[in-house]
C-alpha atoms as a PDB file:
ATOM      1  CA  MET A   1     -26.250 -57.462  -9.353  1.00  0.00           C
ATOM      2  CA  ARG A   2     -28.203 -58.092  -6.539  1.00  0.00           C
ATOM      3  CA  LEU A   3     -30.711 -55.160  -7.419  1.00  0.00           C
ATOM      4  CA  ARG A   4     -31.148 -56.326 -10.787  1.00  0.00           C
ATOM      5  CA  ARG A   5     -32.455 -59.687  -9.427  1.00  0.00           C
ATOM      6  CA  GLN A   6     -34.618 -57.946  -6.913  1.00  0.00           C
ATOM      7  CA  LYS A   7     -35.967 -55.901  -9.980  1.00  0.00           C
ATOM      8  CA  ALA A   8     -36.408 -58.838 -12.253  1.00  0.00           C
ATOM      9  CA  PHE A   9     -38.437 -61.017  -9.244  1.00  0.00           C
ATOM     10  CA  LEU A  10     -40.415 -57.516  -8.648  1.00  0.00           C
ATOM     11  CA  VAL A  11     -41.481 -58.056 -12.349  1.00  0.00           C
ATOM     12  CA  LEU A  12     -42.040 -61.586 -12.231  1.00  0.00           C
ATOM     13  CA  VAL A  13     -44.327 -61.185  -9.223  1.00  0.00           C
ATOM     14  CA  LEU A  14     -46.429 -58.366 -10.631  1.00  0.00           C
ATOM     15  CA  ALA A  15     -46.764 -60.137 -13.847  1.00  0.00           C
ATOM     16  CA  THR A  16     -47.978 -63.112 -11.996  1.00  0.00           C
ATOM     17  CA  VAL A  17     -50.370 -61.284  -9.780  1.00  0.00           C
ATOM     18  CA  ALA A  18     -51.754 -59.231 -12.683  1.00  0.00           C
ATOM     19  CA  CYS A  19     -52.144 -61.675 -15.573  1.00  0.00           C
ATOM     20  CA  THR A  20     -55.334 -63.631 -14.948  1.00  0.00           C
ATOM     21  CA  GLY A  21     -57.940 -63.833 -17.678  1.00  0.00           C
ATOM     22  CA  PRO A  22     -61.345 -62.709 -17.453  1.00  0.00           C
ATOM     23  CA  SER A  23     -62.884 -65.885 -17.922  1.00  0.00           C
ATOM     24  CA  GLU A  24     -60.705 -68.093 -15.456  1.00  0.00           C
ATOM     25  CA  PRO A  25     -60.733 -67.397 -11.660  1.00  0.00           C
ATOM     26  CA  ALA A  26     -58.183 -65.121 -10.670  1.00  0.00           C
ATOM     27  CA  SER A  27     -55.343 -66.937  -8.695  1.00  0.00           C
ATOM     28  CA  ILE A  28     -51.407 -66.526  -8.559  1.00  0.00           C
ATOM     29  CA  SER A  29     -48.532 -69.008  -7.893  1.00  0.00           C
ATOM     30  CA  ALA A  30     -46.569 -67.760  -4.936  1.00  0.00           C
ATOM     31  CA  GLN A  31     -45.331 -68.861  -1.239  1.00  0.00           C
ATOM     32  CA  PHE A  32     -45.646 -66.348   1.708  1.00  0.00           C
ATOM     33  CA  ILE A  33     -43.868 -66.503   4.789  1.00  0.00           C
ATOM     34  CA  LEU A  34     -45.732 -65.562   7.968  1.00  0.00           C
ATOM     35  CA  THR A  35     -43.963 -62.467   9.498  1.00  0.00           C
ATOM     36  CA  ASP A  36     -46.486 -61.450  12.367  1.00  0.00           C
ATOM     37  CA  VAL A  37     -49.508 -62.749  14.228  1.00  0.00           C
ATOM     38  CA  ASP A  38     -52.281 -59.900  15.327  1.00  0.00           C
ATOM     39  CA  GLY A  39     -49.447 -57.239  15.101  1.00  0.00           C
ATOM     40  CA  ARG A  40     -46.660 -59.268  17.002  1.00  0.00           C
ATOM     41  CA  THR A  41     -43.538 -60.486  15.624  1.00  0.00           C
ATOM     42  CA  LEU A  42     -42.605 -64.401  15.782  1.00  0.00           C
ATOM     43  CA  PRO A  43     -42.753 -66.302  18.044  1.00  0.00           C
ATOM     44  CA  ALA A  44     -46.115 -64.792  19.274  1.00  0.00           C
ATOM     45  CA  GLY A  45     -47.922 -66.180  21.918  1.00  0.00           C
ATOM     46  CA  SER A  46     -51.789 -65.844  22.217  1.00  0.00           C
ATOM     47  CA  PRO A  47     -53.306 -64.420  25.339  1.00  0.00           C
ATOM     48  CA  PRO A  48     -54.018 -66.998  28.076  1.00  0.00           C
ATOM     49  CA  SER A  49     -57.494 -68.450  28.415  1.00  0.00           C
ATOM     50  CA  VAL A  50     -58.829 -69.077  31.774  1.00  0.00           C
ATOM     51  CA  GLY A  51     -55.635 -68.908  33.627  1.00  0.00           C
ATOM     52  CA  THR A  52     -53.605 -71.378  31.411  1.00  0.00           C
ATOM     53  CA  PRO A  53     -51.395 -70.085  28.507  1.00  0.00           C
ATOM     54  CA  GLY A  54     -52.214 -69.805  25.135  1.00  0.00           C
ATOM     55  CA  PRO A  55     -50.591 -71.431  22.104  1.00  0.00           C
ATOM     56  CA  THR A  56     -47.463 -69.732  20.451  1.00  0.00           C
ATOM     57  CA  VAL A  57     -47.083 -69.458  16.589  1.00  0.00           C
ATOM     58  CA  VAL A  58     -43.337 -70.021  15.767  1.00  0.00           C
ATOM     59  CA  SER A  59     -43.292 -69.843  12.085  1.00  0.00           C
ATOM     60  CA  GLY A  60     -45.600 -70.332   9.081  1.00  0.00           C
ATOM     61  CA  THR A  61     -46.146 -70.442   5.285  1.00  0.00           C
ATOM     62  CA  MET A  62     -49.001 -69.752   2.632  1.00  0.00           C
ATOM     63  CA  THR A  63     -48.969 -71.361  -0.714  1.00  0.00           C
ATOM     64  CA  LEU A  64     -51.314 -70.257  -3.556  1.00  0.00           C
ATOM     65  CA  ASP A  65     -51.058 -72.015  -6.951  1.00  0.00           C
ATOM     66  CA  LEU A  66     -52.439 -71.266 -10.141  1.00  0.00           C
ATOM     67  CA  GLY A  67     -54.924 -73.961 -10.092  1.00  0.00           C
ATOM     68  CA  GLY A  68     -56.901 -72.372  -7.314  1.00  0.00           C
ATOM     69  CA  THR A  69     -55.422 -74.566  -4.418  1.00  0.00           C
ATOM     70  CA  ALA A  70     -53.994 -72.786  -1.136  1.00  0.00           C
ATOM     71  CA  VAL A  71     -51.767 -74.367   1.825  1.00  0.00           C
ATOM     72  CA  THR A  72     -51.302 -72.864   5.102  1.00  0.00           C
ATOM     73  CA  ALA A  73     -48.787 -74.429   7.453  1.00  0.00           C
ATOM     74  CA  GLU A  74     -48.235 -73.100  11.186  1.00  0.00           C
ATOM     75  CA  ASP A  75     -45.606 -74.341  13.600  1.00  0.00           C
ATOM     76  CA  ARG A  76     -46.787 -73.969  17.328  1.00  0.00           C
ATOM     77  CA  ILE A  77     -46.098 -74.492  20.188  1.00  0.00           C
ATOM     78  CA  ASN A  78     -49.283 -75.576  22.244  1.00  0.00           C
ATOM     79  CA  SER A  79     -50.148 -74.378  25.681  1.00  0.00           C
ATOM     80  CA  ASP A  80     -48.752 -77.870  27.212  1.00  0.00           C
ATOM     81  CA  GLY A  81     -45.213 -77.458  25.397  1.00  0.00           C
ATOM     82  CA  THR A  82     -45.748 -79.805  22.309  1.00  0.00           C
ATOM     83  CA  ARG A  83     -44.774 -78.612  19.219  1.00  0.00           C
ATOM     84  CA  VAL A  84     -47.113 -79.161  16.327  1.00  0.00           C
ATOM     85  CA  THR A  85     -47.616 -78.212  12.868  1.00  0.00           C
ATOM     86  CA  LEU A  86     -50.893 -77.154  11.643  1.00  0.00           C
ATOM     87  CA  THR A  87     -51.724 -77.695   7.954  1.00  0.00           C
ATOM     88  CA  THR A  88     -54.801 -76.577   6.212  1.00  0.00           C
ATOM     89  CA  HIS A  89     -55.836 -76.923   2.505  1.00  0.00           C
ATOM     90  CA  TYR A  90     -58.181 -74.908   0.881  1.00  0.00           C
ATOM     91  CA  VAL A  91     -59.400 -73.752  -2.521  1.00  0.00           C
ATOM     92  CA  TYR A  92     -59.119 -69.900  -3.458  1.00  0.00           C
ATOM     93  CA  THR A  93     -60.007 -66.953  -5.680  1.00  0.00           C
ATOM     94  CA  ILE A  94     -58.766 -63.421  -6.080  1.00  0.00           C
ATOM     95  CA  LYS A  95     -60.795 -60.972  -7.160  1.00  0.00           C
ATOM     96  CA  ASP A  96     -59.920 -57.130  -6.753  1.00  0.00           C
ATOM     97  CA  ALA A  97     -56.849 -58.542  -4.555  1.00  0.00           C
ATOM     98  CA  GLN A  98     -59.571 -59.782  -2.154  1.00  0.00           C
ATOM     99  CA  ILE A  99     -58.902 -63.650  -1.292  1.00  0.00           C
ATOM    100  CA  THR A 100     -61.807 -65.615  -0.931  1.00  0.00           C
ATOM    101  CA  PHE A 101     -61.137 -69.397   0.703  1.00  0.00           C
ATOM    102  CA  ALA A 102     -63.273 -72.506   1.057  1.00  0.00           C
ATOM    103  CA  TYR A 103     -61.872 -75.605   2.492  1.00  0.00           C
ATOM    104  CA  ALA A 104     -60.634 -77.974  -0.003  1.00  0.00           C
ATOM    105  CA  PHE A 105     -62.291 -80.972   2.029  1.00  0.00           C
ATOM    106  CA  PRO A 106     -65.663 -80.275   2.918  1.00  0.00           C
ATOM    107  CA  CYS A 107     -66.558 -80.259   6.795  1.00  0.00           C
ATOM    108  CA  PRO A 108     -67.657 -83.805   8.109  1.00  0.00           C
ATOM    109  CA  ILE A 109     -71.406 -84.389   8.520  1.00  0.00           C
ATOM    110  CA  ASN A 110     -72.728 -83.586  12.114  1.00  0.00           C
ATOM    111  CA  ALA A 111     -68.930 -81.483  12.587  1.00  0.00           C
ATOM    112  CA  ILE A 112     -68.751 -77.930  13.741  1.00  0.00           C
ATOM    113  CA  CYS A 113     -66.393 -76.664  11.167  1.00  0.00           C
ATOM    114  CA  ALA A 114     -65.185 -72.829  12.058  1.00  0.00           C
ATOM    115  CA  PRO A 115     -65.852 -70.647   8.913  1.00  0.00           C
ATOM    116  CA  PRO A 116     -62.497 -70.406   6.508  1.00  0.00           C
ATOM    117  CA  PRO A 117     -60.494 -67.082   6.648  1.00  0.00           C
ATOM    118  CA  THR A 118     -60.850 -64.314   4.359  1.00  0.00           C
ATOM    119  CA  GLY A 119     -57.842 -62.489   2.781  1.00  0.00           C
ATOM    120  CA  GLN A 120     -56.432 -59.691   0.620  1.00  0.00           C
ATOM    121  CA  ILE A 121     -53.061 -59.417  -1.485  1.00  0.00           C
ATOM    122  CA  LEU A 122     -51.270 -56.130  -0.569  1.00  0.00           C
ATOM    123  CA  ASP A 123     -48.452 -54.102  -2.162  1.00  0.00           C
ATOM    124  CA  ASN A 124     -48.828 -55.420  -5.774  1.00  0.00           C
ATOM    125  CA  GLY A 125     -48.414 -59.107  -4.736  1.00  0.00           C
ATOM    126  CA  LEU A 126     -45.615 -58.647  -1.869  1.00  0.00           C
ATOM    127  CA  ARG A 127     -47.581 -59.090   0.890  1.00  0.00           C
ATOM    128  CA  ALA A 128     -50.738 -60.871   1.803  1.00  0.00           C
ATOM    129  CA  GLU A 129     -53.246 -60.840   5.084  1.00  0.00           C
ATOM    130  CA  LEU A 130     -55.460 -63.590   6.373  1.00  0.00           C
ATOM    131  CA  VAL A 131     -58.162 -62.705   9.078  1.00  0.00           C
ATOM    132  CA  PHE A 132     -59.747 -65.482  10.650  1.00  0.00           C
ATOM    133  CA  PRO A 133     -63.396 -65.443  12.121  1.00  0.00           C
ATOM    134  CA  PRO A 134     -63.747 -65.062  15.995  1.00  0.00           C
ATOM    135  CA  GLY A 135     -63.151 -68.265  17.902  1.00  0.00           C
ATOM    136  CA  TYR A 136     -59.662 -68.781  16.573  1.00  0.00           C
ATOM    137  CA  ALA A 137     -56.560 -68.479  18.975  1.00  0.00           C
ATOM    138  CA  PHE A 138     -55.219 -65.680  16.353  1.00  0.00           C
ATOM    139  CA  GLN A 139     -56.995 -63.517  14.022  1.00  0.00           C
ATOM    140  CA  VAL A 140     -54.762 -61.424  11.639  1.00  0.00           C
ATOM    141  CA  TYR A 141     -51.996 -63.412   9.895  1.00  0.00           C
ATOM    142  CA  ASN A 142     -49.536 -61.045   8.184  1.00  0.00           C
ATOM    143  CA  TYR A 143     -47.431 -62.607   5.440  1.00  0.00           C
ATOM    144  CA  ARG A 144     -44.685 -61.315   2.757  1.00  0.00           C
ATOM    145  CA  ILE A 145     -43.618 -63.170  -0.396  1.00  0.00           C
ATOM    146  CA  SER A 146     -40.698 -65.493  -0.453  1.00  0.00           C
ATOM    147  CA  ALA A 147     -41.174 -66.997  -4.115  1.00  0.00           C
ATOM    148  CA  THR A 148     -42.943 -66.831  -7.101  1.00  0.00           C
ATOM    149  CA  LEU A 149     -43.879 -70.847  -8.012  1.00  0.00           C
END
């Protein structure tokens, strides 16, 4: 019974990833769970900077919807020991398994905003990877699918 449910889930995931019309932006509807950051399993600490410990990623999710919006949420312990959840809203498109992100809310005038990540869908939609540009505490976030929405 469990194997049958896993096969049905895999078929649903593959159909979700594959079914985008040529005249509409490519998107999927799925939730992913963070498995590792920069190749380190969770919780993953960043290297110390200027003698102080860096932040630690405890857990995270990424949700993509068919409307082309994405939300990443990350539970972190800052270097001072406070626990925070960082939530970021994006718009996205997928073309040839490559994910292009833009911030859902524009950067305020005169603010210095880091570029958004880039990403890719891997293993026919079972995994996703986000790569943040230099300047972020962590660069490579790897996710596995947890559900199709």
